[in-house]
Amino acid sequence: AWRGYRDYAWGHDELKPLSRVPHDWYGTPLLLTPVDALDTLYLL
């Protein structure tokens, strides 16, 4: 999942996995996925 985000949506809020297209919730990136995933990545 992280590689998919990194390869197709780096710097954006999220990745649409089927189309492999990045998406920003508010038109400008707020990096929702990297922020939201940070603690999970550390814990794992």
PDB file of all heavy atoms in Angstrom:
ATOM      1  N   ALA A   1       0.833  -1.209   0.000  1.00  0.00           N
ATOM      2  CA  ALA A   1       0.000   0.000   0.000  1.00  0.00           C
ATOM      3  C   ALA A   1       0.865   1.255   0.000  1.00  0.00           C
ATOM      4  O   ALA A   1       0.592   2.213  -0.730  1.00  0.00           O
ATOM      5  CB  ALA A   1      -0.932  -0.012   1.205  1.00  0.00           C
ATOM      6  N   TRP A   2       1.925   1.248   0.808  1.00  0.00           N
ATOM      7  CA  TRP A   2       2.801   2.419   0.865  1.00  0.00           C
ATOM      8  C   TRP A   2       3.512   2.641  -0.466  1.00  0.00           C
ATOM      9  O   TRP A   2       3.624   3.770  -0.943  1.00  0.00           O
ATOM     10  CB  TRP A   2       3.816   2.282   1.997  1.00  0.00           C
ATOM     11  CG  TRP A   2       4.677   3.497   2.096  1.00  0.00           C
ATOM     12  CD1 TRP A   2       5.977   3.616   1.725  1.00  0.00           C
ATOM     13  CD2 TRP A   2       4.279   4.793   2.538  1.00  0.00           C
ATOM     14  NE1 TRP A   2       6.418   4.897   1.923  1.00  0.00           N
ATOM     15  CE2 TRP A   2       5.398   5.642   2.422  1.00  0.00           C
ATOM     16  CE3 TRP A   2       3.080   5.315   3.025  1.00  0.00           C
ATOM     17  CZ2 TRP A   2       5.352   6.985   2.777  1.00  0.00           C
ATOM     18  CZ3 TRP A   2       3.043   6.663   3.379  1.00  0.00           C
ATOM     19  CH2 TRP A   2       4.163   7.470   3.249  1.00  0.00           C
ATOM     20  N   ARG A   3       3.997   1.560  -1.080  1.00  0.00           N
ATOM     21  CA  ARG A   3       4.663   1.690  -2.390  1.00  0.00           C
ATOM     22  C   ARG A   3       3.695   2.249  -3.432  1.00  0.00           C
ATOM     23  O   ARG A   3       4.078   3.066  -4.267  1.00  0.00           O
ATOM     24  CB  ARG A   3       5.223   0.351  -2.849  1.00  0.00           C
ATOM     25  CG  ARG A   3       6.568   0.009  -2.250  1.00  0.00           C
ATOM     26  CD  ARG A   3       7.220  -1.179  -2.943  1.00  0.00           C
ATOM     27  NE  ARG A   3       6.370  -2.355  -2.968  1.00  0.00           N
ATOM     28  CZ  ARG A   3       6.380  -3.324  -2.046  1.00  0.00           C
ATOM     29  NH1 ARG A   3       7.209  -3.248  -1.029  1.00  0.00           N
ATOM     30  NH2 ARG A   3       5.586  -4.361  -2.149  1.00  0.00           N
ATOM     31  N   GLY A   4       2.452   1.798  -3.397  1.00  0.00           N
ATOM     32  CA  GLY A   4       1.461   2.322  -4.334  1.00  0.00           C
ATOM     33  C   GLY A   4       1.274   3.813  -4.162  1.00  0.00           C
ATOM     34  O   GLY A   4       1.270   4.572  -5.136  1.00  0.00           O
ATOM     35  N   TYR A   5       1.131   4.250  -2.900  1.00  0.00           N
ATOM     36  CA  TYR A   5       0.994   5.681  -2.651  1.00  0.00           C
ATOM     37  C   TYR A   5       2.249   6.418  -3.122  1.00  0.00           C
ATOM     38  O   TYR A   5       2.168   7.431  -3.812  1.00  0.00           O
ATOM     39  CB  TYR A   5       0.748   5.970  -1.163  1.00  0.00           C
ATOM     40  CG  TYR A   5       0.847   7.445  -0.867  1.00  0.00           C
ATOM     41  CD1 TYR A   5      -0.207   8.295  -1.187  1.00  0.00           C
ATOM     42  CD2 TYR A   5       2.013   7.997  -0.359  1.00  0.00           C
ATOM     43  CE1 TYR A   5      -0.101   9.659  -0.979  1.00  0.00           C
ATOM     44  CE2 TYR A   5       2.127   9.357  -0.158  1.00  0.00           C
ATOM     45  CZ  TYR A   5       1.066  10.184  -0.471  1.00  0.00           C
ATOM     46  OH  TYR A   5       1.184  11.533  -0.283  1.00  0.00           O
ATOM     47  N   ARG A   6       3.410   5.912  -2.741  1.00  0.00           N
ATOM     48  CA  ARG A   6       4.681   6.572  -3.093  1.00  0.00           C
ATOM     49  C   ARG A   6       4.873   6.651  -4.609  1.00  0.00           C
ATOM     50  O   ARG A   6       5.286   7.672  -5.143  1.00  0.00           O
ATOM     51  CB  ARG A   6       5.845   5.812  -2.455  1.00  0.00           C
ATOM     52  CG  ARG A   6       7.174   6.515  -2.596  1.00  0.00           C
ATOM     53  CD  ARG A   6       8.335   5.632  -2.185  1.00  0.00           C
ATOM     54  NE  ARG A   6       8.364   4.475  -3.071  1.00  0.00           N
ATOM     55  CZ  ARG A   6       8.626   3.232  -2.682  1.00  0.00           C
ATOM     56  NH1 ARG A   6       8.886   2.969  -1.425  1.00  0.00           N
ATOM     57  NH2 ARG A   6       8.638   2.240  -3.543  1.00  0.00           N
ATOM     58  N   ASP A   7       4.539   5.590  -5.325  1.00  0.00           N
ATOM     59  CA  ASP A   7       4.779   5.549  -6.769  1.00  0.00           C
ATOM     60  C   ASP A   7       3.774   6.351  -7.580  1.00  0.00           C
ATOM     61  O   ASP A   7       4.114   6.886  -8.632  1.00  0.00           O
ATOM     62  CB  ASP A   7       4.775   4.097  -7.259  1.00  0.00           C
ATOM     63  CG  ASP A   7       5.950   3.293  -6.731  1.00  0.00           C
ATOM     64  OD1 ASP A   7       6.903   3.885  -6.179  1.00  0.00           O
ATOM     65  OD2 ASP A   7       5.907   2.050  -6.854  1.00  0.00           O
ATOM     66  N   TYR A   8       2.534   6.449  -7.100  1.00  0.00           N
ATOM     67  CA  TYR A   8       1.489   7.057  -7.929  1.00  0.00           C
ATOM     68  C   TYR A   8       0.857   8.329  -7.350  1.00  0.00           C
ATOM     69  O   TYR A   8       0.169   9.046  -8.079  1.00  0.00           O
ATOM     70  CB  TYR A   8       0.368   6.042  -8.187  1.00  0.00           C
ATOM     71  CG  TYR A   8       0.845   4.829  -8.932  1.00  0.00           C
ATOM     72  CD1 TYR A   8       1.018   3.611  -8.275  1.00  0.00           C
ATOM     73  CD2 TYR A   8       1.152   4.887 -10.287  1.00  0.00           C
ATOM     74  CE1 TYR A   8       1.471   2.493  -8.958  1.00  0.00           C
ATOM     75  CE2 TYR A   8       1.598   3.774 -10.972  1.00  0.00           C
ATOM     76  CZ  TYR A   8       1.761   2.581 -10.298  1.00  0.00           C
ATOM     77  OH  TYR A   8       2.212   1.473 -10.976  1.00  0.00           O
ATOM     78  N   ALA A   9       1.052   8.607  -6.059  1.00  0.00           N
ATOM     79  CA  ALA A   9       0.351   9.749  -5.470  1.00  0.00           C
ATOM     80  C   ALA A   9       1.232  10.560  -4.523  1.00  0.00           C
ATOM     81  O   ALA A   9       0.718  11.331  -3.721  1.00  0.00           O
ATOM     82  CB  ALA A   9      -0.891   9.252  -4.728  1.00  0.00           C
ATOM     83  N   TRP A  10       2.540  10.391  -4.620  1.00  0.00           N
ATOM     84  CA  TRP A  10       3.457  11.063  -3.703  1.00  0.00           C
ATOM     85  C   TRP A  10       3.189  12.563  -3.651  1.00  0.00           C
ATOM     86  O   TRP A  10       3.114  13.223  -4.682  1.00  0.00           O
ATOM     87  CB  TRP A  10       4.893  10.807  -4.138  1.00  0.00           C
ATOM     88  CG  TRP A  10       5.914  11.214  -3.138  1.00  0.00           C
ATOM     89  CD1 TRP A  10       6.811  12.235  -3.274  1.00  0.00           C
ATOM     90  CD2 TRP A  10       6.160  10.623  -1.866  1.00  0.00           C
ATOM     91  NE1 TRP A  10       7.606  12.304  -2.149  1.00  0.00           N
ATOM     92  CE2 TRP A  10       7.218  11.324  -1.267  1.00  0.00           C
ATOM     93  CE3 TRP A  10       5.582   9.565  -1.162  1.00  0.00           C
ATOM     94  CZ2 TRP A  10       7.716  11.005  -0.014  1.00  0.00           C
ATOM     95  CZ3 TRP A  10       6.082   9.253   0.080  1.00  0.00           C
ATOM     96  CH2 TRP A  10       7.133   9.962   0.637  1.00  0.00           C
ATOM     97  N   GLY A  11       3.016  13.080  -2.447  1.00  0.00           N
ATOM     98  CA  GLY A  11       2.786  14.509  -2.276  1.00  0.00           C
ATOM     99  C   GLY A  11       1.333  14.919  -2.365  1.00  0.00           C
ATOM    100  O   GLY A  11       1.023  16.107  -2.281  1.00  0.00           O
ATOM    101  N   HIS A  12       0.442  13.953  -2.510  1.00  0.00           N
ATOM    102  CA  HIS A  12      -0.993  14.236  -2.567  1.00  0.00           C
ATOM    103  C   HIS A  12      -1.677  13.621  -1.355  1.00  0.00           C
ATOM    104  O   HIS A  12      -1.066  12.895  -0.574  1.00  0.00           O
ATOM    105  CB  HIS A  12      -1.593  13.677  -3.863  1.00  0.00           C
ATOM    106  CG  HIS A  12      -1.080  14.374  -5.081  1.00  0.00           C
ATOM    107  ND1 HIS A  12      -1.605  15.559  -5.540  1.00  0.00           N
ATOM    108  CD2 HIS A  12      -0.058  14.071  -5.916  1.00  0.00           C
ATOM    109  CE1 HIS A  12      -0.947  15.947  -6.617  1.00  0.00           C
ATOM    110  NE2 HIS A  12       0.006  15.059  -6.864  1.00  0.00           N
ATOM    111  N   ASP A  13      -2.971  13.884  -1.224  1.00  0.00           N
ATOM    112  CA  ASP A  13      -3.712  13.381  -0.067  1.00  0.00           C
ATOM    113  C   ASP A  13      -3.880  11.869  -0.090  1.00  0.00           C
ATOM    114  O   ASP A  13      -3.752  11.211   0.939  1.00  0.00           O
ATOM    115  CB  ASP A  13      -5.096  14.026   0.020  1.00  0.00           C
ATOM    116  CG  ASP A  13      -5.021  15.478   0.449  1.00  0.00           C
ATOM    117  OD1 ASP A  13      -3.983  15.890   1.005  1.00  0.00           O
ATOM    118  OD2 ASP A  13      -5.999  16.207   0.226  1.00  0.00           O
ATOM    119  N   GLU A  14      -4.224  11.331  -1.230  1.00  0.00           N
ATOM    120  CA  GLU A  14      -4.481   9.891  -1.291  1.00  0.00           C
ATOM    121  C   GLU A  14      -4.348   9.370  -2.715  1.00  0.00           C
ATOM    122  O   GLU A  14      -4.261  10.146  -3.663  1.00  0.00           O
ATOM    123  CB  GLU A  14      -5.875   9.567  -0.744  1.00  0.00           C
ATOM    124  CG  GLU A  14      -7.007  10.161  -1.554  1.00  0.00           C
ATOM    125  CD  GLU A  14      -8.376   9.956  -0.921  1.00  0.00           C
ATOM    126  OE1 GLU A  14      -8.461   9.411   0.190  1.00  0.00           O
ATOM    127  OE2 GLU A  14      -9.365  10.357  -1.547  1.00  0.00           O
ATOM    128  N   LEU A  15      -4.352   8.061  -2.812  1.00  0.00           N
ATOM    129  CA  LEU A  15      -4.286   7.365  -4.098  1.00  0.00           C
ATOM    130  C   LEU A  15      -5.611   6.672  -4.356  1.00  0.00           C
ATOM    131  O   LEU A  15      -6.132   5.986  -3.485  1.00  0.00           O
ATOM    132  CB  LEU A  15      -3.166   6.312  -4.062  1.00  0.00           C
ATOM    133  CG  LEU A  15      -3.124   5.322  -5.226  1.00  0.00           C
ATOM    134  CD1 LEU A  15      -2.800   6.028  -6.533  1.00  0.00           C
ATOM    135  CD2 LEU A  15      -2.118   4.218  -4.939  1.00  0.00           C
ATOM    136  N   LYS A  16      -6.138   6.857  -5.546  1.00  0.00           N
ATOM    137  CA  LYS A  16      -7.278   6.056  -5.985  1.00  0.00           C
ATOM    138  C   LYS A  16      -6.686   4.770  -6.565  1.00  0.00           C
ATOM    139  O   LYS A  16      -6.082   4.802  -7.638  1.00  0.00           O
ATOM    140  CB  LYS A  16      -8.096   6.813  -7.025  1.00  0.00           C
ATOM    141  CG  LYS A  16      -8.783   8.033  -6.469  1.00  0.00           C
ATOM    142  CD  LYS A  16      -9.625   8.693  -7.533  1.00  0.00           C
ATOM    143  CE  LYS A  16     -10.432   9.810  -6.937  1.00  0.00           C
ATOM    144  NZ  LYS A  16     -11.375  10.370  -7.898  1.00  0.00           N
ATOM    145  N   PRO A  17      -6.810   3.660  -5.849  1.00  0.00           N
ATOM    146  CA  PRO A  17      -6.028   2.471  -6.206  1.00  0.00           C
ATOM    147  C   PRO A  17      -6.369   1.829  -7.546  1.00  0.00           C
ATOM    148  O   PRO A  17      -5.474   1.305  -8.207  1.00  0.00           O
ATOM    149  CB  PRO A  17      -6.299   1.502  -5.056  1.00  0.00           C
ATOM    150  CG  PRO A  17      -7.546   1.987  -4.423  1.00  0.00           C
ATOM    151  CD  PRO A  17      -7.618   3.460  -4.663  1.00  0.00           C
ATOM    152  N   LEU A  18      -7.613   1.871  -7.960  1.00  0.00           N
ATOM    153  CA  LEU A  18      -7.966   1.223  -9.229  1.00  0.00           C
ATOM    154  C   LEU A  18      -7.459   2.009 -10.426  1.00  0.00           C
ATOM    155  O   LEU A  18      -6.951   1.434 -11.384  1.00  0.00           O
ATOM    156  CB  LEU A  18      -9.476   1.003  -9.327  1.00  0.00           C
ATOM    157  CG  LEU A  18     -10.063   0.057  -8.276  1.00  0.00           C
ATOM    158  CD1 LEU A  18     -11.570  -0.067  -8.462  1.00  0.00           C
ATOM    159  CD2 LEU A  18      -9.399  -1.306  -8.328  1.00  0.00           C
ATOM    160  N   SER A  19      -7.569   3.324 -10.366  1.00  0.00           N
ATOM    161  CA  SER A  19      -7.124   4.158 -11.490  1.00  0.00           C
ATOM    162  C   SER A  19      -5.673   4.598 -11.339  1.00  0.00           C
ATOM    163  O   SER A  19      -5.102   5.135 -12.286  1.00  0.00           O
ATOM    164  CB  SER A  19      -8.021   5.388 -11.610  1.00  0.00           C
ATOM    165  OG  SER A  19      -7.923   6.185 -10.441  1.00  0.00           O
ATOM    166  N   ARG A  20      -5.103   4.383 -10.150  1.00  0.00           N
ATOM    167  CA  ARG A  20      -3.734   4.823  -9.846  1.00  0.00           C
ATOM    168  C   ARG A  20      -3.560   6.321 -10.073  1.00  0.00           C
ATOM    169  O   ARG A  20      -2.548   6.780 -10.587  1.00  0.00           O
ATOM    170  CB  ARG A  20      -2.712   4.034 -10.648  1.00  0.00           C
ATOM    171  CG  ARG A  20      -2.697   2.573 -10.311  1.00  0.00           C
ATOM    172  CD  ARG A  20      -1.663   1.848 -11.100  1.00  0.00           C
ATOM    173  NE  ARG A  20      -1.661   0.433 -10.714  1.00  0.00           N
ATOM    174  CZ  ARG A  20      -1.131  -0.514 -11.444  1.00  0.00           C
ATOM    175  NH1 ARG A  20      -0.547  -0.230 -12.589  1.00  0.00           N
ATOM    176  NH2 ARG A  20      -1.170  -1.753 -11.027  1.00  0.00           N
ATOM    177  N   VAL A  21      -4.567   7.073  -9.670  1.00  0.00           N
ATOM    178  CA  VAL A  21      -4.577   8.526  -9.831  1.00  0.00           C
ATOM    179  C   VAL A  21      -4.577   9.160  -8.439  1.00  0.00           C
ATOM    180  O   VAL A  21      -5.318   8.735  -7.559  1.00  0.00           O
ATOM    181  CB  VAL A  21      -5.836   8.960 -10.613  1.00  0.00           C
ATOM    182  CG1 VAL A  21      -5.978  10.471 -10.649  1.00  0.00           C
ATOM    183  CG2 VAL A  21      -5.810   8.391 -12.014  1.00  0.00           C
ATOM    184  N   PRO A  22      -3.745  10.188  -8.233  1.00  0.00           N
ATOM    185  CA  PRO A  22      -3.771  10.870  -6.939  1.00  0.00           C
ATOM    186  C   PRO A  22      -5.017  11.735  -6.791  1.00  0.00           C
ATOM    187  O   PRO A  22      -5.618  12.158  -7.787  1.00  0.00           O
ATOM    188  CB  PRO A  22      -2.514  11.741  -6.967  1.00  0.00           C
ATOM    189  CG  PRO A  22      -2.198  11.934  -8.394  1.00  0.00           C
ATOM    190  CD  PRO A  22      -2.719  10.728  -9.122  1.00  0.00           C
ATOM    191  N   HIS A  23      -5.392  11.989  -5.545  1.00  0.00           N
ATOM    192  CA  HIS A  23      -6.559  12.819  -5.258  1.00  0.00           C
ATOM    193  C   HIS A  23      -6.243  13.707  -4.059  1.00  0.00           C
ATOM    194  O   HIS A  23      -5.655  13.248  -3.083  1.00  0.00           O
ATOM    195  CB  HIS A  23      -7.775  11.941  -4.948  1.00  0.00           C
ATOM    196  CG  HIS A  23      -8.985  12.727  -4.582  1.00  0.00           C
ATOM    197  ND1 HIS A  23      -9.418  12.860  -3.284  1.00  0.00           N
ATOM    198  CD2 HIS A  23      -9.846  13.436  -5.339  1.00  0.00           C
ATOM    199  CE1 HIS A  23     -10.507  13.612  -3.257  1.00  0.00           C
ATOM    200  NE2 HIS A  23     -10.775  13.976  -4.491  1.00  0.00           N
ATOM    201  N   ASP A  24      -6.619  14.966  -4.155  1.00  0.00           N
ATOM    202  CA  ASP A  24      -6.498  15.906  -3.046  1.00  0.00           C
ATOM    203  C   ASP A  24      -7.891  16.332  -2.621  1.00  0.00           C
ATOM    204  O   ASP A  24      -8.679  16.796  -3.447  1.00  0.00           O
ATOM    205  CB  ASP A  24      -5.669  17.130  -3.459  1.00  0.00           C
ATOM    206  CG  ASP A  24      -4.241  16.762  -3.778  1.00  0.00           C
ATOM    207  OD1 ASP A  24      -3.642  15.991  -3.004  1.00  0.00           O
ATOM    208  OD2 ASP A  24      -3.718  17.231  -4.814  1.00  0.00           O
ATOM    209  N   TRP A  25      -8.194  16.189  -1.359  1.00  0.00           N
ATOM    210  CA  TRP A  25      -9.534  16.463  -0.841  1.00  0.00           C
ATOM    211  C   TRP A  25      -9.979  17.903  -1.050  1.00  0.00           C
ATOM    212  O   TRP A  25     -11.146  18.174  -1.249  1.00  0.00           O
ATOM    213  CB  TRP A  25      -9.582  16.163   0.649  1.00  0.00           C
ATOM    214  CG  TRP A  25      -9.686  14.722   0.999  1.00  0.00           C
ATOM    215  CD1 TRP A  25      -9.190  13.653   0.304  1.00  0.00           C
ATOM    216  CD2 TRP A  25     -10.315  14.175   2.148  1.00  0.00           C
ATOM    217  NE1 TRP A  25      -9.454  12.488   0.955  1.00  0.00           N
ATOM    218  CE2 TRP A  25     -10.148  12.777   2.094  1.00  0.00           C
ATOM    219  CE3 TRP A  25     -10.972  14.734   3.220  1.00  0.00           C
ATOM    220  CZ2 TRP A  25     -10.646  11.944   3.078  1.00  0.00           C
ATOM    221  CZ3 TRP A  25     -11.460  13.894   4.197  1.00  0.00           C
ATOM    222  CH2 TRP A  25     -11.304  12.508   4.120  1.00  0.00           C
ATOM    223  N   TYR A  26      -9.048  18.828  -0.958  1.00  0.00           N
ATOM    224  CA  TYR A  26      -9.420  20.244  -0.978  1.00  0.00           C
ATOM    225  C   TYR A  26      -8.771  21.012  -2.119  1.00  0.00           C
ATOM    226  O   TYR A  26      -8.629  22.226  -2.058  1.00  0.00           O
ATOM    227  CB  TYR A  26      -9.065  20.881   0.375  1.00  0.00           C
ATOM    228  CG  TYR A  26      -9.737  20.161   1.520  1.00  0.00           C
ATOM    229  CD1 TYR A  26      -9.001  19.343   2.368  1.00  0.00           C
ATOM    230  CD2 TYR A  26     -11.105  20.254   1.723  1.00  0.00           C
ATOM    231  CE1 TYR A  26      -9.613  18.659   3.409  1.00  0.00           C
ATOM    232  CE2 TYR A  26     -11.731  19.573   2.745  1.00  0.00           C
ATOM    233  CZ  TYR A  26     -10.976  18.771   3.586  1.00  0.00           C
ATOM    234  OH  TYR A  26     -11.600  18.091   4.594  1.00  0.00           O
ATOM    235  N   GLY A  27      -8.343  20.303  -3.144  1.00  0.00           N
ATOM    236  CA  GLY A  27      -7.747  20.948  -4.305  1.00  0.00           C
ATOM    237  C   GLY A  27      -6.261  21.231  -4.151  1.00  0.00           C
ATOM    238  O   GLY A  27      -5.556  21.408  -5.129  1.00  0.00           O
ATOM    239  N   THR A  28      -5.795  21.295  -2.943  1.00  0.00           N
ATOM    240  CA  THR A  28      -4.375  21.472  -2.652  1.00  0.00           C
ATOM    241  C   THR A  28      -3.968  20.363  -1.685  1.00  0.00           C
ATOM    242  O   THR A  28      -4.748  20.002  -0.802  1.00  0.00           O
ATOM    243  CB  THR A  28      -4.100  22.871  -2.051  1.00  0.00           C
ATOM    244  OG1 THR A  28      -2.710  23.078  -1.943  1.00  0.00           O
ATOM    245  CG2 THR A  28      -4.759  23.056  -0.714  1.00  0.00           C
ATOM    246  N   PRO A  29      -2.812  19.783  -1.839  1.00  0.00           N
ATOM    247  CA  PRO A  29      -2.435  18.653  -0.993  1.00  0.00           C
ATOM    248  C   PRO A  29      -2.257  19.034   0.478  1.00  0.00           C
ATOM    249  O   PRO A  29      -1.589  20.016   0.797  1.00  0.00           O
ATOM    250  CB  PRO A  29      -1.098  18.183  -1.564  1.00  0.00           C
ATOM    251  CG  PRO A  29      -0.980  18.795  -2.912  1.00  0.00           C
ATOM    252  CD  PRO A  29      -1.803  20.035  -2.878  1.00  0.00           C
ATOM    253  N   LEU A  30      -2.876  18.248   1.343  1.00  0.00           N
ATOM    254  CA  LEU A  30      -2.668  18.359   2.785  1.00  0.00           C
ATOM    255  C   LEU A  30      -1.949  17.126   3.331  1.00  0.00           C
ATOM    256  O   LEU A  30      -1.801  16.986   4.540  1.00  0.00           O
ATOM    257  CB  LEU A  30      -4.004  18.556   3.507  1.00  0.00           C
ATOM    258  CG  LEU A  30      -4.736  19.865   3.202  1.00  0.00           C
ATOM    259  CD1 LEU A  30      -6.086  19.899   3.904  1.00  0.00           C
ATOM    260  CD2 LEU A  30      -3.893  21.057   3.600  1.00  0.00           C
ATOM    261  N   LEU A  31      -1.529  16.249   2.432  1.00  0.00           N
ATOM    262  CA  LEU A  31      -0.743  15.060   2.787  1.00  0.00           C
ATOM    263  C   LEU A  31      -1.467  14.161   3.789  1.00  0.00           C
ATOM    264  O   LEU A  31      -0.869  13.643   4.735  1.00  0.00           O
ATOM    265  CB  LEU A  31       0.626  15.472   3.330  1.00  0.00           C
ATOM    266  CG  LEU A  31       1.459  16.376   2.430  1.00  0.00           C
ATOM    267  CD1 LEU A  31       2.763  16.747   3.110  1.00  0.00           C
ATOM    268  CD2 LEU A  31       1.718  15.726   1.090  1.00  0.00           C
ATOM    269  N   LEU A  32      -2.752  13.952   3.572  1.00  0.00           N
ATOM    270  CA  LEU A  32      -3.539  13.151   4.505  1.00  0.00           C
ATOM    271  C   LEU A  32      -2.991  11.737   4.692  1.00  0.00           C
ATOM    272  O   LEU A  32      -2.904  11.246   5.819  1.00  0.00           O
ATOM    273  CB  LEU A  32      -4.998  13.084   4.042  1.00  0.00           C
ATOM    274  CG  LEU A  32      -5.758  14.403   4.095  1.00  0.00           C
ATOM    275  CD1 LEU A  32      -7.125  14.263   3.442  1.00  0.00           C
ATOM    276  CD2 LEU A  32      -5.888  14.892   5.519  1.00  0.00           C
ATOM    277  N   THR A  33      -2.608  11.077   3.627  1.00  0.00           N
ATOM    278  CA  THR A  33      -2.107   9.705   3.753  1.00  0.00           C
ATOM    279  C   THR A  33      -0.781   9.646   4.519  1.00  0.00           C
ATOM    280  O   THR A  33      -0.669   8.855   5.463  1.00  0.00           O
ATOM    281  CB  THR A  33      -1.986   9.030   2.380  1.00  0.00           C
ATOM    282  OG1 THR A  33      -3.301   8.857   1.844  1.00  0.00           O
ATOM    283  CG2 THR A  33      -1.305   7.675   2.475  1.00  0.00           C
ATOM    284  N   PRO A  34       0.225  10.431   4.175  1.00  0.00           N
ATOM    285  CA  PRO A  34       1.475  10.346   4.931  1.00  0.00           C
ATOM    286  C   PRO A  34       1.314  10.673   6.416  1.00  0.00           C
ATOM    287  O   PRO A  34       1.894  10.004   7.265  1.00  0.00           O
ATOM    288  CB  PRO A  34       2.393  11.358   4.254  1.00  0.00           C
ATOM    289  CG  PRO A  34       1.833  11.546   2.902  1.00  0.00           C
ATOM    290  CD  PRO A  34       0.359  11.334   3.026  1.00  0.00           C
ATOM    291  N   VAL A  35       0.507  11.682   6.724  1.00  0.00           N
ATOM    292  CA  VAL A  35       0.307  12.038   8.135  1.00  0.00           C
ATOM    293  C   VAL A  35      -0.449  10.931   8.849  1.00  0.00           C
ATOM    294  O   VAL A  35      -0.067  10.493   9.937  1.00  0.00           O
ATOM    295  CB  VAL A  35      -0.442  13.387   8.264  1.00  0.00           C
ATOM    296  CG1 VAL A  35      -0.830  13.657   9.707  1.00  0.00           C
ATOM    297  CG2 VAL A  35       0.405  14.524   7.722  1.00  0.00           C
ATOM    298  N   ASP A  36      -1.507  10.456   8.244  1.00  0.00           N
ATOM    299  CA  ASP A  36      -2.346   9.427   8.847  1.00  0.00           C
ATOM    300  C   ASP A  36      -1.590   8.109   9.014  1.00  0.00           C
ATOM    301  O   ASP A  36      -1.813   7.375   9.969  1.00  0.00           O
ATOM    302  CB  ASP A  36      -3.583   9.211   7.969  1.00  0.00           C
ATOM    303  CG  ASP A  36      -4.820   8.856   8.759  1.00  0.00           C
ATOM    304  OD1 ASP A  36      -4.816   9.011   9.994  1.00  0.00           O
ATOM    305  OD2 ASP A  36      -5.802   8.435   8.133  1.00  0.00           O
ATOM    306  N   ALA A  37      -0.686   7.813   8.111  1.00  0.00           N
ATOM    307  CA  ALA A  37       0.028   6.536   8.135  1.00  0.00           C
ATOM    308  C   ALA A  37       1.268   6.540   9.015  1.00  0.00           C
ATOM    309  O   ALA A  37       1.787   5.477   9.361  1.00  0.00           O
ATOM    310  CB  ALA A  37       0.432   6.153   6.712  1.00  0.00           C
ATOM    311  N   LEU A  38       1.753   7.702   9.393  1.00  0.00           N
ATOM    312  CA  LEU A  38       3.045   7.798  10.063  1.00  0.00           C
ATOM    313  C   LEU A  38       3.158   6.916  11.301  1.00  0.00           C
ATOM    314  O   LEU A  38       4.098   6.135  11.439  1.00  0.00           O
ATOM    315  CB  LEU A  38       3.353   9.252  10.413  1.00  0.00           C
ATOM    316  CG  LEU A  38       4.711   9.514  11.042  1.00  0.00           C
ATOM    317  CD1 LEU A  38       5.841   9.073  10.115  1.00  0.00           C
ATOM    318  CD2 LEU A  38       4.848  10.988  11.383  1.00  0.00           C
ATOM    319  N   ASP A  39       2.201   7.010  12.212  1.00  0.00           N
ATOM    320  CA  ASP A  39       2.312   6.210  13.435  1.00  0.00           C
ATOM    321  C   ASP A  39       2.187   4.719  13.154  1.00  0.00           C
ATOM    322  O   ASP A  39       2.868   3.899  13.766  1.00  0.00           O
ATOM    323  CB  ASP A  39       1.316   6.666  14.491  1.00  0.00           C
ATOM    324  CG  ASP A  39      -0.121   6.616  14.031  1.00  0.00           C
ATOM    325  OD1 ASP A  39      -0.367   6.505  12.817  1.00  0.00           O
ATOM    326  OD2 ASP A  39      -1.016   6.709  14.887  1.00  0.00           O
ATOM    327  N   THR A  40       1.346   4.355  12.208  1.00  0.00           N
ATOM    328  CA  THR A  40       1.199   2.941  11.851  1.00  0.00           C
ATOM    329  C   THR A  40       2.504   2.389  11.296  1.00  0.00           C
ATOM    330  O   THR A  40       2.921   1.278  11.648  1.00  0.00           O
ATOM    331  CB  THR A  40       0.066   2.756  10.821  1.00  0.00           C
ATOM    332  OG1 THR A  40      -1.148   3.257  11.378  1.00  0.00           O
ATOM    333  CG2 THR A  40      -0.098   1.296  10.430  1.00  0.00           C
ATOM    334  N   LEU A  41       3.159   3.151  10.446  1.00  0.00           N
ATOM    335  CA  LEU A  41       4.440   2.718   9.886  1.00  0.00           C
ATOM    336  C   LEU A  41       5.468   2.495  10.994  1.00  0.00           C
ATOM    337  O   LEU A  41       6.195   1.495  10.997  1.00  0.00           O
ATOM    338  CB  LEU A  41       4.945   3.741   8.867  1.00  0.00           C
ATOM    339  CG  LEU A  41       4.090   3.908   7.613  1.00  0.00           C
ATOM    340  CD1 LEU A  41       4.542   5.121   6.807  1.00  0.00           C
ATOM    341  CD2 LEU A  41       4.101   2.655   6.765  1.00  0.00           C
ATOM    342  N   TYR A  42       5.524   3.410  11.962  1.00  0.00           N
ATOM    343  CA  TYR A  42       6.447   3.243  13.079  1.00  0.00           C
ATOM    344  C   TYR A  42       6.101   2.007  13.910  1.00  0.00           C
ATOM    345  O   TYR A  42       6.974   1.223  14.269  1.00  0.00           O
ATOM    346  CB  TYR A  42       6.441   4.476  13.991  1.00  0.00           C
ATOM    347  CG  TYR A  42       7.339   5.589  13.536  1.00  0.00           C
ATOM    348  CD1 TYR A  42       6.835   6.854  13.300  1.00  0.00           C
ATOM    349  CD2 TYR A  42       8.706   5.390  13.362  1.00  0.00           C
ATOM    350  CE1 TYR A  42       7.653   7.895  12.890  1.00  0.00           C
ATOM    351  CE2 TYR A  42       9.537   6.419  12.942  1.00  0.00           C
ATOM    352  CZ  TYR A  42       9.001   7.660  12.716  1.00  0.00           C
ATOM    353  OH  TYR A  42       9.820   8.685  12.300  1.00  0.00           O
ATOM    354  N   LEU A  43       4.820   1.855  14.230  1.00  0.00           N
ATOM    355  CA  LEU A  43       4.399   0.722  15.067  1.00  0.00           C
ATOM    356  C   LEU A  43       4.691  -0.619  14.406  1.00  0.00           C
ATOM    357  O   LEU A  43       4.982  -1.607  15.088  1.00  0.00           O
ATOM    358  CB  LEU A  43       2.907   0.829  15.391  1.00  0.00           C
ATOM    359  CG  LEU A  43       2.539   1.928  16.378  1.00  0.00           C
ATOM    360  CD1 LEU A  43       1.026   2.075  16.466  1.00  0.00           C
ATOM    361  CD2 LEU A  43       3.128   1.651  17.751  1.00  0.00           C
ATOM    362  N   LEU A  44       4.611  -0.663  13.088  1.00  0.00           N
ATOM    363  CA  LEU A  44       4.891  -1.905  12.370  1.00  0.00           C
ATOM    364  C   LEU A  44       6.385  -2.128  12.149  1.00  0.00           C
ATOM    365  O   LEU A  44       6.783  -3.149  11.606  1.00  0.00           O
ATOM    366  CB  LEU A  44       4.161  -1.907  11.024  1.00  0.00           C
ATOM    367  CG  LEU A  44       2.645  -2.028  11.099  1.00  0.00           C
ATOM    368  CD1 LEU A  44       2.033  -1.890   9.712  1.00  0.00           C
ATOM    369  CD2 LEU A  44       2.233  -3.348  11.737  1.00  0.00           C
TER     370      LEU A  44
END
